């Protein structure tokens, strides 16, 4: 609980611009390293932003999150268009690229550009969907429009959740204090499960090559 309180104290000393840069960076980094949970960070940062700064500059936090999500996806789309499919297969792109790439191609073959609009629902596959979008014959401005609309919709939903958490932070904090041990155990189990699934998937993809 001391660590949690230290994190709260750290954020309490941050200026609004720091929150904005944090969510911007989180979404861009997520595009290259899928385990980074951009949406989770947005919810958490929004809650602390409301707690420490109220509604001041709230719209800029939203704009920063949308910009980060759009930039991250478009960067992957550019890399996909520039290097092509074979490059990433030959270099064994991380996080199970082979299986993820096949799934992304299947989604595109069935749904086309609509996949870009709903790509935020496919956690862990977002970077690969960006690559496939770049490799496809979809115009860059269509991709930009769809990914922007997607970020506008989904980020608003996540920030609403963060806002609700921020408004009820005292209740959440009291629950966390009461169930600290339970919370830590659950967190450890979740982390172990994620690592186990990642290792299992990586072994499966390695054997399939």
Protein backbone atom coordinates (compact mmCIF):
# COMPACT_ATOMS: atom_id res chain seq x y z
CA UNK A 1 0.00 0.00 0.00
CA UNK A 2 2.98 2.29 0.60
CA UNK A 3 3.98 1.91 -3.05
CA UNK A 4 0.46 2.76 -4.14
CA UNK A 5 0.48 5.86 -1.95
CA UNK A 6 3.87 6.86 -3.36
CA UNK A 7 2.40 6.69 -6.88
CA UNK A 8 -0.51 8.88 -5.79
CA UNK A 9 1.88 11.40 -4.24
CA UNK A 10 3.95 11.45 -7.42
CA UNK A 11 0.95 12.20 -9.61
CA UNK A 12 -0.26 14.83 -7.16
CA UNK A 13 2.89 16.83 -7.95
CA UNK A 14 2.52 16.61 -11.73
CA UNK A 15 1.21 19.41 -13.90
CA UNK A 16 -1.60 18.83 -16.46
CA UNK A 17 0.91 18.81 -19.32
CA UNK A 18 2.70 15.84 -17.73
CA UNK A 19 -0.51 13.81 -17.71
CA UNK A 20 -1.11 14.70 -21.35
CA UNK A 21 2.40 13.69 -22.39
CA UNK A 22 2.10 10.45 -20.41
CA UNK A 23 -1.03 9.22 -22.21
CA UNK A 24 0.35 10.42 -25.54
CA UNK A 25 3.54 8.42 -25.01
CA UNK A 26 1.68 5.38 -23.62
CA UNK A 27 -0.36 4.94 -26.79
CA UNK A 28 2.60 5.42 -29.10
CA UNK A 29 4.71 2.92 -27.12
CA UNK A 30 1.79 0.47 -27.04
CA UNK A 31 1.91 0.35 -30.83
CA UNK A 32 5.42 -1.10 -30.70
CA UNK A 33 5.16 -3.05 -27.45
CA UNK A 34 1.61 -4.47 -27.15
CA UNK A 35 2.00 -5.55 -23.50
CA UNK A 36 1.96 -1.84 -22.58
CA UNK A 37 -1.75 -1.30 -21.68
CA UNK A 38 -2.53 2.08 -23.22
CA UNK A 39 -6.24 1.97 -22.37
CA UNK A 40 -5.59 0.96 -18.76
CA UNK A 41 -3.08 3.76 -18.36
CA UNK A 42 -5.61 6.22 -19.82
CA UNK A 43 -8.25 5.17 -17.27
CA UNK A 44 -5.79 5.40 -14.37
CA UNK A 45 -4.30 8.73 -15.48
CA UNK A 46 -7.76 10.22 -16.09
CA UNK A 47 -8.87 9.24 -12.58
CA UNK A 48 -5.80 10.87 -11.01
CA UNK A 49 -6.11 13.89 -13.28
CA UNK A 50 -9.68 14.47 -12.06
CA UNK A 51 -8.57 13.90 -8.49
CA UNK A 52 -5.76 16.46 -8.65
CA UNK A 53 -6.90 18.97 -11.27
CA UNK A 54 -10.65 18.57 -11.61
CA UNK A 55 -11.95 19.45 -15.08
CA UNK A 56 -9.14 21.90 -15.83
CA UNK A 57 -7.54 21.16 -19.20
CA UNK A 58 -9.56 17.93 -19.35
CA UNK A 59 -10.18 18.35 -23.08
CA UNK A 60 -6.43 18.51 -23.71
CA UNK A 61 -5.94 15.20 -21.93
CA UNK A 62 -8.54 13.72 -24.28
CA UNK A 63 -6.90 15.27 -27.35
CA UNK A 64 -3.50 13.98 -26.22
CA UNK A 65 -4.83 10.44 -25.84
CA UNK A 66 -6.50 10.52 -29.27
CA UNK A 67 -3.34 11.93 -30.87
CA UNK A 68 -1.22 9.18 -29.29
CA UNK A 69 -3.55 6.41 -30.46
CA UNK A 70 -3.69 7.81 -34.00
CA UNK A 71 0.06 8.45 -34.27
CA UNK A 72 0.91 4.98 -32.98
CA UNK A 73 -1.37 3.24 -35.44
CA UNK A 74 -0.29 5.36 -38.40
CA UNK A 75 3.37 4.74 -37.60
CA UNK A 76 2.75 0.99 -37.78
CA UNK A 77 0.77 1.45 -41.00
CA UNK A 78 3.69 3.38 -42.49
CA UNK A 79 6.15 0.65 -41.47
CA UNK A 80 3.88 -2.00 -42.97
CA UNK A 81 3.63 -0.12 -46.28
CA UNK A 82 7.35 0.71 -46.36
CA UNK A 83 8.84 -2.71 -45.49
CA UNK A 84 6.15 -5.17 -46.56
CA UNK A 85 5.02 -8.49 -45.15
CA UNK A 86 8.08 -10.57 -45.98
CA UNK A 87 10.42 -8.30 -44.05
CA UNK A 88 8.59 -8.82 -40.75
CA UNK A 89 8.23 -12.58 -41.25
CA UNK A 90 11.93 -12.99 -42.03
CA UNK A 91 12.91 -10.97 -38.98
CA UNK A 92 10.54 -12.89 -36.70
CA UNK A 93 8.58 -9.89 -35.49
CA UNK A 94 7.97 -10.28 -31.76
CA UNK A 95 4.76 -11.19 -29.90
CA UNK A 96 3.76 -14.07 -32.13
CA UNK A 97 3.75 -12.10 -35.37
CA UNK A 98 3.07 -15.17 -37.50
CA UNK A 99 -0.24 -16.18 -35.89
CA UNK A 100 -1.33 -12.57 -35.24
CA UNK A 101 -0.58 -11.63 -38.82
CA UNK A 102 -2.72 -14.47 -40.17
CA UNK A 103 -5.60 -13.45 -37.91
CA UNK A 104 -5.29 -9.80 -38.98
CA UNK A 105 -5.29 -10.81 -42.65
CA UNK A 106 -8.41 -12.92 -42.07
CA UNK A 107 -10.16 -10.00 -40.41
CA UNK A 108 -9.27 -7.73 -43.32
CA UNK A 109 -10.40 -10.28 -45.91
CA UNK A 110 -13.80 -10.58 -44.21
CA UNK A 111 -14.40 -7.04 -42.99
CA UNK A 112 -12.04 -4.83 -44.95
CA UNK A 113 -11.49 -1.30 -43.69
CA UNK A 114 -14.05 -1.82 -40.91
CA UNK A 115 -11.34 -3.70 -39.01
CA UNK A 116 -9.47 -0.41 -38.58
CA UNK A 117 -12.54 1.22 -37.06
CA UNK A 118 -12.92 -1.57 -34.50
CA UNK A 119 -9.24 -2.46 -34.06
CA UNK A 120 -9.29 -1.20 -30.46
CA UNK A 121 -11.34 -4.27 -29.53
CA UNK A 122 -8.50 -6.59 -30.53
CA UNK A 123 -6.12 -6.13 -27.61
CA UNK A 124 -2.60 -7.32 -28.41
CA UNK A 125 -3.27 -7.32 -32.15
CA UNK A 126 -3.43 -3.56 -32.68
CA UNK A 127 0.18 -3.18 -33.93
CA UNK A 128 -0.24 -6.06 -36.40
CA UNK A 129 -3.55 -4.65 -37.63
CA UNK A 130 -1.70 -1.37 -38.23
CA UNK A 131 0.96 -3.19 -40.25
CA UNK A 132 -1.62 -5.09 -42.31
CA UNK A 133 -3.54 -1.87 -42.91
CA UNK A 134 -0.37 -0.33 -44.33
CA UNK A 135 0.27 -3.37 -46.51
CA UNK A 136 -3.28 -3.35 -47.87
CA UNK A 137 -4.62 -1.26 -50.74
CA UNK A 138 -6.54 1.02 -48.40
CA UNK A 139 -5.72 4.71 -48.96
CA UNK A 140 -3.74 6.34 -46.16
CA UNK A 141 -6.33 9.08 -45.66
CA UNK A 142 -9.09 6.47 -45.27
CA UNK A 143 -6.97 4.69 -42.68
CA UNK A 144 -6.32 7.99 -40.91
CA UNK A 145 -10.00 8.86 -40.85
CA UNK A 146 -11.07 5.47 -39.51
CA UNK A 147 -8.39 5.23 -36.83
CA UNK A 148 -9.16 8.79 -35.70
CA UNK A 149 -12.86 8.00 -35.41
CA UNK A 150 -12.01 4.83 -33.49
CA UNK A 151 -9.79 6.73 -31.04
CA UNK A 152 -12.39 9.46 -30.58
CA UNK A 153 -15.06 6.91 -29.65
CA UNK A 154 -13.09 4.48 -27.52
CA UNK A 155 -10.95 7.03 -25.71
CA UNK A 156 -14.06 8.95 -24.71
CA UNK A 157 -15.44 5.74 -23.19
CA UNK A 158 -12.23 4.98 -21.29
CA UNK A 159 -11.93 8.54 -20.04
CA UNK A 160 -15.53 8.45 -18.84
CA UNK A 161 -14.63 5.36 -16.83
CA UNK A 162 -11.57 7.16 -15.47
CA UNK A 163 -13.69 10.17 -14.57
CA UNK A 164 -16.13 7.98 -12.64
CA UNK A 165 -13.21 6.38 -10.79
CA UNK A 166 -11.79 9.81 -9.97
CA UNK A 167 -15.12 11.03 -8.61
CA UNK A 168 -15.34 7.97 -6.33
CA UNK A 169 -11.66 7.74 -5.47
CA UNK A 170 -12.12 7.95 -1.69
CA UNK A 171 -14.39 4.89 -1.78
CA UNK A 172 -11.98 2.97 -4.01
CA UNK A 173 -9.02 3.89 -1.81
CA UNK A 174 -10.79 2.67 1.34
CA UNK A 175 -11.57 -0.64 -0.38
CA UNK A 176 -7.96 -1.00 -1.49
CA UNK A 177 -6.72 -0.32 2.02
CA UNK A 178 -9.08 -2.93 3.44
CA UNK A 179 -8.19 -5.58 0.91
CA UNK A 180 -4.52 -4.81 0.28
CA UNK A 181 -3.30 -8.40 0.57
CA UNK A 182 -6.11 -9.70 -1.62
CA UNK A 183 -5.42 -7.03 -4.25
CA UNK A 184 -1.70 -7.86 -4.32
CA UNK A 185 -2.39 -11.58 -4.70
CA UNK A 186 -4.83 -10.99 -7.53
CA UNK A 187 -2.34 -8.69 -9.26
CA UNK A 188 0.43 -11.29 -8.99
CA UNK A 189 -1.87 -14.00 -10.39
CA UNK A 190 -2.83 -11.78 -13.32
CA UNK A 191 0.82 -10.97 -14.11
CA UNK A 192 1.83 -14.65 -13.90
CA UNK A 193 -1.08 -15.63 -16.15
CA UNK A 194 -0.17 -13.01 -18.76
CA UNK A 195 3.49 -14.14 -18.77
CA UNK A 196 2.45 -17.78 -19.03
CA UNK A 197 0.15 -17.08 -21.97
CA UNK A 198 2.86 -15.02 -23.69
CA UNK A 199 5.51 -17.78 -23.26
CA UNK A 200 3.07 -20.45 -24.42
CA UNK A 201 2.11 -18.45 -27.50
CA UNK A 202 5.74 -17.67 -28.35
CA UNK A 203 6.69 -21.38 -28.13
CA UNK A 204 3.74 -22.28 -30.35
CA UNK A 205 4.72 -19.68 -32.96
CA UNK A 206 8.35 -20.79 -32.84
CA UNK A 207 7.37 -24.42 -33.46
CA UNK A 208 5.11 -23.41 -36.34
CA UNK A 209 7.92 -21.61 -38.21
